[in-house]
């Protein structure tokens, strides 16, 4: 599995709608958090190793109504 985090800016008043749709309709989304700062949401996704990250974001995430901008962080190793 490949874990990515996507920071999302939403249109005004659409944050909760975007979060709900992401959790309900994208099976690779494991968590969505409301956050403070420049972005409104932080989304954690678990992708199969053969999935193209750019295509996943463009085809699934950025098509959710109410999203204005995304910023993606690709992880390397998880520590626990």
PDB file of N, CA and C in Angstrom:
ATOM      1  N   UNK A   1       0.827  -1.186   0.000  1.00  0.00           N
ATOM      2  CA  UNK A   1       0.000   0.000   0.000  1.00  0.00           C
ATOM      3  C   UNK A   1       0.874   1.253   0.000  1.00  0.00           C
ATOM      4  N   UNK A   2       0.407   2.244  -0.694  1.00  0.00           N
ATOM      5  CA  UNK A   2       1.056   3.549  -0.719  1.00  0.00           C
ATOM      6  C   UNK A   2       0.111   4.548  -0.046  1.00  0.00           C
ATOM      7  N   UNK A   3       0.614   5.256   0.958  1.00  0.00           N
ATOM      8  CA  UNK A   3      -0.212   6.233   1.656  1.00  0.00           C
ATOM      9  C   UNK A   3       0.103   7.624   1.150  1.00  0.00           C
ATOM     10  N   UNK A   4      -0.957   8.384   0.843  1.00  0.00           N
ATOM     11  CA  UNK A   4      -0.803   9.782   0.471  1.00  0.00           C
ATOM     12  C   UNK A   4      -1.739  10.616   1.336  1.00  0.00           C
ATOM     13  N   UNK A   5      -1.355  11.864   1.540  1.00  0.00           N
ATOM     14  CA  UNK A   5      -2.203  12.829   2.230  1.00  0.00           C
ATOM     15  C   UNK A   5      -2.504  13.946   1.248  1.00  0.00           C
ATOM     16  N   UNK A   6      -3.763  14.355   1.193  1.00  0.00           N
ATOM     17  CA  UNK A   6      -4.169  15.422   0.282  1.00  0.00           C
ATOM     18  C   UNK A   6      -4.784  16.536   1.120  1.00  0.00           C
ATOM     19  N   UNK A   7      -4.207  17.726   0.998  1.00  0.00           N
ATOM     20  CA  UNK A   7      -4.763  18.904   1.645  1.00  0.00           C
ATOM     21  C   UNK A   7      -5.707  19.551   0.646  1.00  0.00           C
ATOM     22  N   UNK A   8      -6.909  19.906   1.094  1.00  0.00           N
ATOM     23  CA  UNK A   8      -7.962  20.364   0.192  1.00  0.00           C
ATOM     24  C   UNK A   8      -8.490  21.729   0.621  1.00  0.00           C
ATOM     25  N   UNK A   9      -8.569  22.656  -0.346  1.00  0.00           N
ATOM     26  CA  UNK A   9      -9.267  23.929  -0.157  1.00  0.00           C
ATOM     27  C   UNK A   9     -10.645  23.781  -0.764  1.00  0.00           C
ATOM     28  N   UNK A  10     -11.655  24.185  -0.005  1.00  0.00           N
ATOM     29  CA  UNK A  10     -13.036  24.058  -0.465  1.00  0.00           C
ATOM     30  C   UNK A  10     -13.643  25.420  -0.747  1.00  0.00           C
ATOM     31  N   UNK A  11     -14.681  25.412  -1.576  1.00  0.00           N
ATOM     32  CA  UNK A  11     -15.478  26.618  -1.756  1.00  0.00           C
ATOM     33  C   UNK A  11     -16.152  26.927  -0.424  1.00  0.00           C
ATOM     34  N   UNK A  12     -16.431  28.199  -0.189  1.00  0.00           N
ATOM     35  CA  UNK A  12     -17.054  28.599   1.065  1.00  0.00           C
ATOM     36  C   UNK A  12     -18.356  27.827   1.304  1.00  0.00           C
ATOM     37  N   UNK A  13     -18.480  27.285   2.504  1.00  0.00           N
ATOM     38  CA  UNK A  13     -19.683  26.552   2.886  1.00  0.00           C
ATOM     39  C   UNK A  13     -19.773  25.130   2.389  1.00  0.00           C
ATOM     40  N   UNK A  14     -18.735  24.624   1.738  1.00  0.00           N
ATOM     41  CA  UNK A  14     -18.788  23.277   1.135  1.00  0.00           C
ATOM     42  C   UNK A  14     -17.906  22.246   1.835  1.00  0.00           C
ATOM     43  N   UNK A  15     -17.221  22.629   2.888  1.00  0.00           N
ATOM     44  CA  UNK A  15     -16.253  21.727   3.529  1.00  0.00           C
ATOM     45  C   UNK A  15     -16.873  20.406   3.969  1.00  0.00           C
ATOM     46  N   UNK A  16     -17.997  20.471   4.658  1.00  0.00           N
ATOM     47  CA  UNK A  16     -18.618  19.246   5.169  1.00  0.00           C
ATOM     48  C   UNK A  16     -19.188  18.396   4.039  1.00  0.00           C
ATOM     49  N   UNK A  17     -19.691  19.032   2.991  1.00  0.00           N
ATOM     50  CA  UNK A  17     -20.194  18.288   1.833  1.00  0.00           C
ATOM     51  C   UNK A  17     -19.060  17.538   1.134  1.00  0.00           C
ATOM     52  N   UNK A  18     -17.928  18.218   0.964  1.00  0.00           N
ATOM     53  CA  UNK A  18     -16.763  17.589   0.318  1.00  0.00           C
ATOM     54  C   UNK A  18     -16.274  16.411   1.150  1.00  0.00           C
ATOM     55  N   UNK A  19     -16.148  16.598   2.458  1.00  0.00           N
ATOM     56  CA  UNK A  19     -15.680  15.516   3.339  1.00  0.00           C
ATOM     57  C   UNK A  19     -16.607  14.316   3.274  1.00  0.00           C
ATOM     58  N   UNK A  20     -17.906  14.566   3.339  1.00  0.00           N
ATOM     59  CA  UNK A  20     -18.875  13.465   3.314  1.00  0.00           C
ATOM     60  C   UNK A  20     -18.816  12.695   2.001  1.00  0.00           C
ATOM     61  N   UNK A  21     -18.734  13.411   0.889  1.00  0.00           N
ATOM     62  CA  UNK A  21     -18.682  12.723  -0.411  1.00  0.00           C
ATOM     63  C   UNK A  21     -17.402  11.913  -0.555  1.00  0.00           C
ATOM     64  N   UNK A  22     -16.286  12.460  -0.095  1.00  0.00           N
ATOM     65  CA  UNK A  22     -15.011  11.741  -0.197  1.00  0.00           C
ATOM     66  C   UNK A  22     -15.062  10.423   0.573  1.00  0.00           C
ATOM     67  N   UNK A  23     -15.560  10.476   1.802  1.00  0.00           N
ATOM     68  CA  UNK A  23     -15.627   9.271   2.637  1.00  0.00           C
ATOM     69  C   UNK A  23     -16.625   8.262   2.063  1.00  0.00           C
ATOM     70  N   UNK A  24     -17.744   8.745   1.560  1.00  0.00           N
ATOM     71  CA  UNK A  24     -18.793   7.859   1.058  1.00  0.00           C
ATOM     72  C   UNK A  24     -18.480   7.236  -0.299  1.00  0.00           C
ATOM     73  N   UNK A  25     -17.784   7.975  -1.173  1.00  0.00           N
ATOM     74  CA  UNK A  25     -17.680   7.542  -2.564  1.00  0.00           C
ATOM     75  C   UNK A  25     -16.307   7.099  -3.036  1.00  0.00           C
ATOM     76  N   UNK A  26     -15.256   7.376  -2.257  1.00  0.00           N
ATOM     77  CA  UNK A  26     -13.911   6.976  -2.680  1.00  0.00           C
ATOM     78  C   UNK A  26     -13.391   5.935  -1.707  1.00  0.00           C
ATOM     79  N   UNK A  27     -13.331   4.695  -2.155  1.00  0.00           N
ATOM     80  CA  UNK A  27     -12.982   3.600  -1.236  1.00  0.00           C
ATOM     81  C   UNK A  27     -11.559   3.701  -0.699  1.00  0.00           C
ATOM     82  N   UNK A  28     -10.669   4.371  -1.407  1.00  0.00           N
ATOM     83  CA  UNK A  28      -9.276   4.499  -0.958  1.00  0.00           C
ATOM     84  C   UNK A  28      -9.096   5.524   0.155  1.00  0.00           C
ATOM     85  N   UNK A  29     -10.116   6.313   0.436  1.00  0.00           N
ATOM     86  CA  UNK A  29     -10.047   7.320   1.497  1.00  0.00           C
ATOM     87  C   UNK A  29     -10.266   6.630   2.837  1.00  0.00           C
ATOM     88  N   UNK A  30      -9.272   6.727   3.727  1.00  0.00           N
ATOM     89  CA  UNK A  30      -9.412   6.100   5.044  1.00  0.00           C
ATOM     90  C   UNK A  30      -9.830   7.102   6.112  1.00  0.00           C
ATOM     91  N   UNK A  31      -9.452   8.370   5.957  1.00  0.00           N
ATOM     92  CA  UNK A  31      -9.799   9.394   6.938  1.00  0.00           C
ATOM     93  C   UNK A  31      -9.871  10.748   6.252  1.00  0.00           C
ATOM     94  N   UNK A  32     -10.751  11.616   6.762  1.00  0.00           N
ATOM     95  CA  UNK A  32     -10.783  13.016   6.350  1.00  0.00           C
ATOM     96  C   UNK A  32     -10.923  13.840   7.622  1.00  0.00           C
ATOM     97  N   UNK A  33     -10.013  14.799   7.798  1.00  0.00           N
ATOM     98  CA  UNK A  33     -10.019  15.658   8.981  1.00  0.00           C
ATOM     99  C   UNK A  33     -10.248  17.100   8.574  1.00  0.00           C
ATOM    100  N   UNK A  34     -11.067  17.805   9.330  1.00  0.00           N
ATOM    101  CA  UNK A  34     -11.209  19.250   9.188  1.00  0.00           C
ATOM    102  C   UNK A  34     -10.003  19.871   9.879  1.00  0.00           C
ATOM    103  N   UNK A  35      -9.336  20.826   9.214  1.00  0.00           N
ATOM    104  CA  UNK A  35      -8.113  21.406   9.769  1.00  0.00           C
ATOM    105  C   UNK A  35      -8.163  22.930   9.704  1.00  0.00           C
ATOM    106  N   UNK A  36      -7.269  23.560  10.426  1.00  0.00           N
ATOM    107  CA  UNK A  36      -7.158  25.016  10.388  1.00  0.00           C
ATOM    108  C   UNK A  36      -6.002  25.390   9.463  1.00  0.00           C
ATOM    109  N   UNK A  37      -5.959  26.646   9.086  1.00  0.00           N
ATOM    110  CA  UNK A  37      -4.867  27.129   8.260  1.00  0.00           C
ATOM    111  C   UNK A  37      -5.291  27.373   6.828  1.00  0.00           C
ATOM    112  N   UNK A  38      -4.343  27.244   5.932  1.00  0.00           N
ATOM    113  CA  UNK A  38      -4.546  27.557   4.518  1.00  0.00           C
ATOM    114  C   UNK A  38      -5.526  26.605   3.824  1.00  0.00           C
ATOM    115  N   UNK A  39      -5.598  25.378   4.302  1.00  0.00           N
ATOM    116  CA  UNK A  39      -6.475  24.367   3.710  1.00  0.00           C
ATOM    117  C   UNK A  39      -7.589  24.010   4.692  1.00  0.00           C
ATOM    118  N   UNK A  40      -8.662  23.437   4.171  1.00  0.00           N
ATOM    119  CA  UNK A  40      -9.837  23.119   4.985  1.00  0.00           C
ATOM    120  C   UNK A  40      -9.888  21.670   5.450  1.00  0.00           C
ATOM    121  N   UNK A  41      -9.380  20.758   4.621  1.00  0.00           N
ATOM    122  CA  UNK A  41      -9.455  19.333   4.917  1.00  0.00           C
ATOM    123  C   UNK A  41      -8.102  18.666   4.702  1.00  0.00           C
ATOM    124  N   UNK A  42      -7.853  17.604   5.469  1.00  0.00           N
ATOM    125  CA  UNK A  42      -6.703  16.732   5.272  1.00  0.00           C
ATOM    126  C   UNK A  42      -7.241  15.330   5.054  1.00  0.00           C
ATOM    127  N   UNK A  43      -6.972  14.773   3.891  1.00  0.00           N
ATOM    128  CA  UNK A  43      -7.495  13.467   3.504  1.00  0.00           C
ATOM    129  C   UNK A  43      -6.348  12.448   3.451  1.00  0.00           C
ATOM    130  N   UNK A  44      -6.565  11.302   4.077  1.00  0.00           N
ATOM    131  CA  UNK A  44      -5.586  10.215   4.040  1.00  0.00           C
ATOM    132  C   UNK A  44      -6.123   9.128   3.118  1.00  0.00           C
ATOM    133  N   UNK A  45      -5.293   8.718   2.166  1.00  0.00           N
ATOM    134  CA  UNK A  45      -5.692   7.692   1.198  1.00  0.00           C
ATOM    135  C   UNK A  45      -4.667   6.571   1.176  1.00  0.00           C
ATOM    136  N   UNK A  46      -5.146   5.352   1.020  1.00  0.00           N
ATOM    137  CA  UNK A  46      -4.293   4.170   0.878  1.00  0.00           C
ATOM    138  C   UNK A  46      -4.488   3.627  -0.537  1.00  0.00           C
ATOM    139  N   UNK A  47      -3.427   3.707  -1.332  1.00  0.00           N
ATOM    140  CA  UNK A  47      -3.503   3.294  -2.735  1.00  0.00           C
ATOM    141  C   UNK A  47      -2.704   2.026  -2.972  1.00  0.00           C
ATOM    142  N   UNK A  48      -3.168   1.199  -3.883  1.00  0.00           N
ATOM    143  CA  UNK A  48      -2.389   0.041  -4.311  1.00  0.00           C
ATOM    144  C   UNK A  48      -1.110   0.548  -4.972  1.00  0.00           C
ATOM    145  N   UNK A  49      -0.024  -0.221  -4.886  1.00  0.00           N
ATOM    146  CA  UNK A  49       1.261   0.235  -5.413  1.00  0.00           C
ATOM    147  C   UNK A  49       1.250   0.570  -6.908  1.00  0.00           C
ATOM    148  N   UNK A  50       0.369  -0.050  -7.673  1.00  0.00           N
ATOM    149  CA  UNK A  50       0.352   0.178  -9.115  1.00  0.00           C
ATOM    150  C   UNK A  50      -0.528   1.357  -9.540  1.00  0.00           C
ATOM    151  N   UNK A  51      -1.163   2.035  -8.579  1.00  0.00           N
ATOM    152  CA  UNK A  51      -2.042   3.163  -8.894  1.00  0.00           C
ATOM    153  C   UNK A  51      -1.210   4.404  -9.164  1.00  0.00           C
ATOM    154  N   UNK A  52      -1.511   5.102 -10.252  1.00  0.00           N
ATOM    155  CA  UNK A  52      -0.865   6.362 -10.580  1.00  0.00           C
ATOM    156  C   UNK A  52      -1.490   7.461  -9.711  1.00  0.00           C
ATOM    157  N   UNK A  53      -0.693   8.079  -8.862  1.00  0.00           N
ATOM    158  CA  UNK A  53      -1.191   9.070  -7.901  1.00  0.00           C
ATOM    159  C   UNK A  53      -1.847  10.244  -8.620  1.00  0.00           C
ATOM    160  N   UNK A  54      -1.215  10.756  -9.646  1.00  0.00           N
ATOM    161  CA  UNK A  54      -1.762  11.893 -10.377  1.00  0.00           C
ATOM    162  C   UNK A  54      -3.118  11.609 -10.982  1.00  0.00           C
ATOM    163  N   UNK A  55      -3.249  10.444 -11.597  1.00  0.00           N
ATOM    164  CA  UNK A  55      -4.538  10.066 -12.174  1.00  0.00           C
ATOM    165  C   UNK A  55      -5.597   9.864 -11.083  1.00  0.00           C
ATOM    166  N   UNK A  56      -5.217   9.257  -9.975  1.00  0.00           N
ATOM    167  CA  UNK A  56      -6.162   9.050  -8.880  1.00  0.00           C
ATOM    168  C   UNK A  56      -6.722  10.382  -8.394  1.00  0.00           C
ATOM    169  N   UNK A  57      -5.852  11.344  -8.181  1.00  0.00           N
ATOM    170  CA  UNK A  57      -6.296  12.654  -7.687  1.00  0.00           C
ATOM    171  C   UNK A  57      -7.171  13.356  -8.721  1.00  0.00           C
ATOM    172  N   UNK A  58      -6.733  13.362  -9.974  1.00  0.00           N
ATOM    173  CA  UNK A  58      -7.491  14.044 -11.026  1.00  0.00           C
ATOM    174  C   UNK A  58      -8.831  13.368 -11.311  1.00  0.00           C
ATOM    175  N   UNK A  59      -8.862  12.052 -11.293  1.00  0.00           N
ATOM    176  CA  UNK A  59     -10.067  11.316 -11.670  1.00  0.00           C
ATOM    177  C   UNK A  59     -11.071  11.168 -10.520  1.00  0.00           C
ATOM    178  N   UNK A  60     -10.586  11.103  -9.289  1.00  0.00           N
ATOM    179  CA  UNK A  60     -11.478  10.831  -8.162  1.00  0.00           C
ATOM    180  C   UNK A  60     -11.645  12.033  -7.233  1.00  0.00           C
ATOM    181  N   UNK A  61     -10.538  12.564  -6.750  1.00  0.00           N
ATOM    182  CA  UNK A  61     -10.613  13.598  -5.718  1.00  0.00           C
ATOM    183  C   UNK A  61     -11.034  14.951  -6.294  1.00  0.00           C
ATOM    184  N   UNK A  62     -10.346  15.422  -7.313  1.00  0.00           N
ATOM    185  CA  UNK A  62     -10.606  16.773  -7.815  1.00  0.00           C
ATOM    186  C   UNK A  62     -11.951  16.914  -8.519  1.00  0.00           C
ATOM    187  N   UNK A  63     -12.629  15.830  -8.781  1.00  0.00           N
ATOM    188  CA  UNK A  63     -13.954  15.887  -9.407  1.00  0.00           C
ATOM    189  C   UNK A  63     -15.078  16.059  -8.386  1.00  0.00           C
ATOM    190  N   UNK A  64     -14.750  16.030  -7.093  1.00  0.00           N
ATOM    191  CA  UNK A  64     -15.776  16.238  -6.069  1.00  0.00           C
ATOM    192  C   UNK A  64     -16.224  17.697  -6.131  1.00  0.00           C
ATOM    193  N   UNK A  65     -17.519  17.939  -6.266  1.00  0.00           N
ATOM    194  CA  UNK A  65     -18.017  19.326  -6.296  1.00  0.00           C
ATOM    195  C   UNK A  65     -17.662  20.062  -4.997  1.00  0.00           C
ATOM    196  N   UNK A  66     -17.191  21.303  -5.127  1.00  0.00           N
ATOM    197  CA  UNK A  66     -16.866  22.121  -3.967  1.00  0.00           C
ATOM    198  C   UNK A  66     -15.383  22.214  -3.676  1.00  0.00           C
ATOM    199  N   UNK A  67     -14.549  21.447  -4.400  1.00  0.00           N
ATOM    200  CA  UNK A  67     -13.106  21.524  -4.201  1.00  0.00           C
ATOM    201  C   UNK A  67     -12.535  22.623  -5.101  1.00  0.00           C
ATOM    202  N   UNK A  68     -11.736  23.522  -4.487  1.00  0.00           N
ATOM    203  CA  UNK A  68     -11.084  24.598  -5.231  1.00  0.00           C
ATOM    204  C   UNK A  68      -9.631  24.275  -5.558  1.00  0.00           C
ATOM    205  N   UNK A  69      -8.936  23.582  -4.635  1.00  0.00           N
ATOM    206  CA  UNK A  69      -7.497  23.365  -4.798  1.00  0.00           C
ATOM    207  C   UNK A  69      -7.078  22.157  -3.971  1.00  0.00           C
ATOM    208  N   UNK A  70      -6.025  21.480  -4.419  1.00  0.00           N
ATOM    209  CA  UNK A  70      -5.461  20.367  -3.652  1.00  0.00           C
ATOM    210  C   UNK A  70      -3.947  20.492  -3.590  1.00  0.00           C
ATOM    211  N   UNK A  71      -3.374  19.914  -2.546  1.00  0.00           N
ATOM    212  CA  UNK A  71      -1.923  19.844  -2.375  1.00  0.00           C
ATOM    213  C   UNK A  71      -1.636  18.448  -1.841  1.00  0.00           C
ATOM    214  N   UNK A  72      -0.822  17.682  -2.554  1.00  0.00           N
ATOM    215  CA  UNK A  72      -0.616  16.267  -2.229  1.00  0.00           C
ATOM    216  C   UNK A  72       0.755  16.019  -1.612  1.00  0.00           C
ATOM    217  N   UNK A  73       0.760  15.224  -0.545  1.00  0.00           N
ATOM    218  CA  UNK A  73       1.994  14.773   0.099  1.00  0.00           C
ATOM    219  C   UNK A  73       2.087  13.269  -0.088  1.00  0.00           C
ATOM    220  N   UNK A  74       3.192  12.810  -0.646  1.00  0.00           N
ATOM    221  CA  UNK A  74       3.427  11.378  -0.841  1.00  0.00           C
ATOM    222  C   UNK A  74       4.351  10.900   0.277  1.00  0.00           C
ATOM    223  N   UNK A  75       3.961   9.827   0.942  1.00  0.00           N
ATOM    224  CA  UNK A  75       4.752   9.329   2.080  1.00  0.00           C
ATOM    225  C   UNK A  75       5.731   8.239   1.629  1.00  0.00           C
ATOM    226  N   UNK A  76       6.757   8.047   2.441  1.00  0.00           N
ATOM    227  CA  UNK A  76       7.758   7.029   2.159  1.00  0.00           C
ATOM    228  C   UNK A  76       7.703   5.869   3.155  1.00  0.00           C
ATOM    229  N   UNK A  77       7.715   6.176   4.447  1.00  0.00           N
ATOM    230  CA  UNK A  77       7.740   5.129   5.467  1.00  0.00           C
ATOM    231  C   UNK A  77       6.928   5.602   6.661  1.00  0.00           C
ATOM    232  N   UNK A  78       6.160   4.691   7.228  1.00  0.00           N
ATOM    233  CA  UNK A  78       5.391   4.996   8.437  1.00  0.00           C
ATOM    234  C   UNK A  78       6.130   4.440   9.654  1.00  0.00           C
ATOM    235  N   UNK A  79       6.198   5.228  10.698  1.00  0.00           N
ATOM    236  CA  UNK A  79       6.839   4.813  11.946  1.00  0.00           C
ATOM    237  C   UNK A  79       5.785   4.694  13.035  1.00  0.00           C
ATOM    238  N   UNK A  80       5.934   3.695  13.885  1.00  0.00           N
ATOM    239  CA  UNK A  80       4.981   3.563  14.991  1.00  0.00           C
ATOM    240  C   UNK A  80       5.687   3.139  16.260  1.00  0.00           C
TER     241      UNK A  80
END
